[in-house]
């Protein structure tokens, strides 16, 4: 297990439209951050290639997982976070992301 590794980046909040009945909102990690995560985590990824993280957006801190996508990882941003931080789809979000448990 490696010590805590943290990344900070800005990225737009976007809505996943694959399902009409479910509303999932994400931030995509910049490609260079995703490449570094993949290099660090390697075979330690969990189911579906997910990686456990602790995230800070504004004053809100929570634990979740990032998931591999086409050429990056995506970070789900739950409704409670969006509400607390007054965020909406299209807003640019400052993300402080720490890899945990790998």
C-alpha atoms as a PDB file:
ATOM      1  CA  UNK A   1       0.000   0.000   0.000  1.00  0.00           C
ATOM      2  CA  UNK A   2       1.293   3.420  -0.988  1.00  0.00           C
ATOM      3  CA  UNK A   3       0.768   6.523   1.171  1.00  0.00           C
ATOM      4  CA  UNK A   4      -1.976   9.008   0.314  1.00  0.00           C
ATOM      5  CA  UNK A   5      -1.687  10.520  -3.144  1.00  0.00           C
ATOM      6  CA  UNK A   6      -3.632  13.702  -3.842  1.00  0.00           C
ATOM      7  CA  UNK A   7      -4.572  15.532  -7.032  1.00  0.00           C
ATOM      8  CA  UNK A   8      -6.222  18.910  -7.570  1.00  0.00           C
ATOM      9  CA  UNK A   9      -7.902  19.959 -10.785  1.00  0.00           C
ATOM     10  CA  UNK A  10     -10.767  21.944 -12.307  1.00  0.00           C
ATOM     11  CA  UNK A  11     -13.323  20.204 -14.510  1.00  0.00           C
ATOM     12  CA  UNK A  12     -16.880  20.770 -15.721  1.00  0.00           C
ATOM     13  CA  UNK A  13     -19.813  18.961 -14.146  1.00  0.00           C
ATOM     14  CA  UNK A  14     -21.763  16.887 -16.695  1.00  0.00           C
ATOM     15  CA  UNK A  15     -24.852  14.687 -16.743  1.00  0.00           C
ATOM     16  CA  UNK A  16     -24.794  11.089 -17.965  1.00  0.00           C
ATOM     17  CA  UNK A  17     -27.665  10.713 -20.420  1.00  0.00           C
ATOM     18  CA  UNK A  18     -27.505   6.973 -21.062  1.00  0.00           C
ATOM     19  CA  UNK A  19     -30.601   6.350 -18.925  1.00  0.00           C
ATOM     20  CA  UNK A  20     -33.625   8.608 -19.062  1.00  0.00           C
ATOM     21  CA  UNK A  21     -34.939   7.639 -15.604  1.00  0.00           C
ATOM     22  CA  UNK A  22     -31.675   7.969 -13.655  1.00  0.00           C
ATOM     23  CA  UNK A  23     -29.824  11.240 -13.209  1.00  0.00           C
ATOM     24  CA  UNK A  24     -26.102  10.712 -12.660  1.00  0.00           C
ATOM     25  CA  UNK A  25     -23.749  13.674 -12.558  1.00  0.00           C
ATOM     26  CA  UNK A  26     -19.988  13.367 -13.017  1.00  0.00           C
ATOM     27  CA  UNK A  27     -16.684  15.162 -13.376  1.00  0.00           C
ATOM     28  CA  UNK A  28     -14.113  13.643 -15.736  1.00  0.00           C
ATOM     29  CA  UNK A  29     -10.549  13.542 -14.472  1.00  0.00           C
ATOM     30  CA  UNK A  30      -8.067  15.301 -16.755  1.00  0.00           C
ATOM     31  CA  UNK A  31      -6.273  12.709 -18.874  1.00  0.00           C
ATOM     32  CA  UNK A  32      -2.877  13.330 -17.258  1.00  0.00           C
ATOM     33  CA  UNK A  33      -4.406  12.751 -13.798  1.00  0.00           C
ATOM     34  CA  UNK A  34      -6.193   9.593 -14.986  1.00  0.00           C
ATOM     35  CA  UNK A  35      -2.933   8.268 -16.465  1.00  0.00           C
ATOM     36  CA  UNK A  36      -1.143   8.865 -13.164  1.00  0.00           C
ATOM     37  CA  UNK A  37      -3.947   7.158 -11.194  1.00  0.00           C
ATOM     38  CA  UNK A  38      -3.764   4.144 -13.494  1.00  0.00           C
ATOM     39  CA  UNK A  39       0.039   3.979 -13.102  1.00  0.00           C
ATOM     40  CA  UNK A  40      -0.255   4.130  -9.300  1.00  0.00           C
ATOM     41  CA  UNK A  41      -3.179   1.773  -8.823  1.00  0.00           C
ATOM     42  CA  UNK A  42      -2.469  -0.821 -11.506  1.00  0.00           C
ATOM     43  CA  UNK A  43      -3.817  -4.208 -10.416  1.00  0.00           C
ATOM     44  CA  UNK A  44      -5.140  -2.831  -7.104  1.00  0.00           C
ATOM     45  CA  UNK A  45      -8.311  -1.510  -8.772  1.00  0.00           C
ATOM     46  CA  UNK A  46     -11.566  -2.904  -7.416  1.00  0.00           C
ATOM     47  CA  UNK A  47     -14.633  -4.216  -9.231  1.00  0.00           C
ATOM     48  CA  UNK A  48     -15.289  -2.619 -12.615  1.00  0.00           C
ATOM     49  CA  UNK A  49     -11.823  -1.022 -12.340  1.00  0.00           C
ATOM     50  CA  UNK A  50     -13.011   1.388  -9.636  1.00  0.00           C
ATOM     51  CA  UNK A  51     -10.624   3.198  -7.319  1.00  0.00           C
ATOM     52  CA  UNK A  52     -11.590   4.418  -3.836  1.00  0.00           C
ATOM     53  CA  UNK A  53     -11.088   8.115  -3.242  1.00  0.00           C
ATOM     54  CA  UNK A  54     -11.770  10.880  -0.760  1.00  0.00           C
ATOM     55  CA  UNK A  55     -12.998  14.039  -2.428  1.00  0.00           C
ATOM     56  CA  UNK A  56     -13.281  17.660  -1.379  1.00  0.00           C
ATOM     57  CA  UNK A  57     -15.352  20.134  -3.356  1.00  0.00           C
ATOM     58  CA  UNK A  58     -15.686  23.481  -1.627  1.00  0.00           C
ATOM     59  CA  UNK A  59     -16.410  22.726   2.030  1.00  0.00           C
ATOM     60  CA  UNK A  60     -17.874  19.265   1.308  1.00  0.00           C
ATOM     61  CA  UNK A  61     -15.805  16.117   1.883  1.00  0.00           C
ATOM     62  CA  UNK A  62     -16.957  12.592   1.035  1.00  0.00           C
ATOM     63  CA  UNK A  63     -15.689   9.121   0.115  1.00  0.00           C
ATOM     64  CA  UNK A  64     -16.643   7.462  -3.138  1.00  0.00           C
ATOM     65  CA  UNK A  65     -15.001   5.695  -6.070  1.00  0.00           C
ATOM     66  CA  UNK A  66     -13.843   6.837  -9.484  1.00  0.00           C
ATOM     67  CA  UNK A  67     -14.658   4.600 -12.436  1.00  0.00           C
ATOM     68  CA  UNK A  68     -12.824   4.018 -15.709  1.00  0.00           C
ATOM     69  CA  UNK A  69     -14.425   5.501 -18.799  1.00  0.00           C
ATOM     70  CA  UNK A  70     -13.353   5.714 -22.430  1.00  0.00           C
ATOM     71  CA  UNK A  71     -10.047   7.566 -21.913  1.00  0.00           C
ATOM     72  CA  UNK A  72     -10.180   8.722 -18.302  1.00  0.00           C
ATOM     73  CA  UNK A  73     -11.840   8.108 -14.943  1.00  0.00           C
ATOM     74  CA  UNK A  74     -15.143   9.674 -13.958  1.00  0.00           C
ATOM     75  CA  UNK A  75     -16.057  10.921 -10.495  1.00  0.00           C
ATOM     76  CA  UNK A  76     -19.727  10.819  -9.474  1.00  0.00           C
ATOM     77  CA  UNK A  77     -20.873  13.998  -7.731  1.00  0.00           C
ATOM     78  CA  UNK A  78     -23.955  13.230  -5.675  1.00  0.00           C
ATOM     79  CA  UNK A  79     -26.958  15.492  -5.327  1.00  0.00           C
ATOM     80  CA  UNK A  80     -26.199  16.389  -1.695  1.00  0.00           C
ATOM     81  CA  UNK A  81     -22.785  17.751  -2.744  1.00  0.00           C
ATOM     82  CA  UNK A  82     -24.208  19.687  -5.683  1.00  0.00           C
ATOM     83  CA  UNK A  83     -26.874  21.194  -3.435  1.00  0.00           C
ATOM     84  CA  UNK A  84     -24.452  22.059  -0.594  1.00  0.00           C
ATOM     85  CA  UNK A  85     -21.997  23.698  -3.003  1.00  0.00           C
ATOM     86  CA  UNK A  86     -24.677  25.250  -5.250  1.00  0.00           C
ATOM     87  CA  UNK A  87     -23.398  23.453  -8.352  1.00  0.00           C
ATOM     88  CA  UNK A  88     -25.223  22.625 -11.548  1.00  0.00           C
ATOM     89  CA  UNK A  89     -24.407  20.818 -14.771  1.00  0.00           C
ATOM     90  CA  UNK A  90     -21.931  22.879 -16.791  1.00  0.00           C
ATOM     91  CA  UNK A  91     -20.317  24.528 -13.763  1.00  0.00           C
ATOM     92  CA  UNK A  92     -16.558  24.171 -13.416  1.00  0.00           C
ATOM     93  CA  UNK A  93     -15.698  22.359 -10.202  1.00  0.00           C
ATOM     94  CA  UNK A  94     -12.437  22.566  -8.220  1.00  0.00           C
ATOM     95  CA  UNK A  95     -11.739  18.984  -7.107  1.00  0.00           C
ATOM     96  CA  UNK A  96      -9.310  17.861  -4.404  1.00  0.00           C
ATOM     97  CA  UNK A  97      -9.067  14.059  -4.839  1.00  0.00           C
ATOM     98  CA  UNK A  98      -7.077  11.652  -2.654  1.00  0.00           C
ATOM     99  CA  UNK A  99      -6.570   7.983  -3.501  1.00  0.00           C
ATOM    100  CA  UNK A 100      -7.355   5.736  -0.522  1.00  0.00           C
ATOM    101  CA  UNK A 101      -7.065   2.030   0.284  1.00  0.00           C
ATOM    102  CA  UNK A 102      -4.757   0.942  -2.521  1.00  0.00           C
END
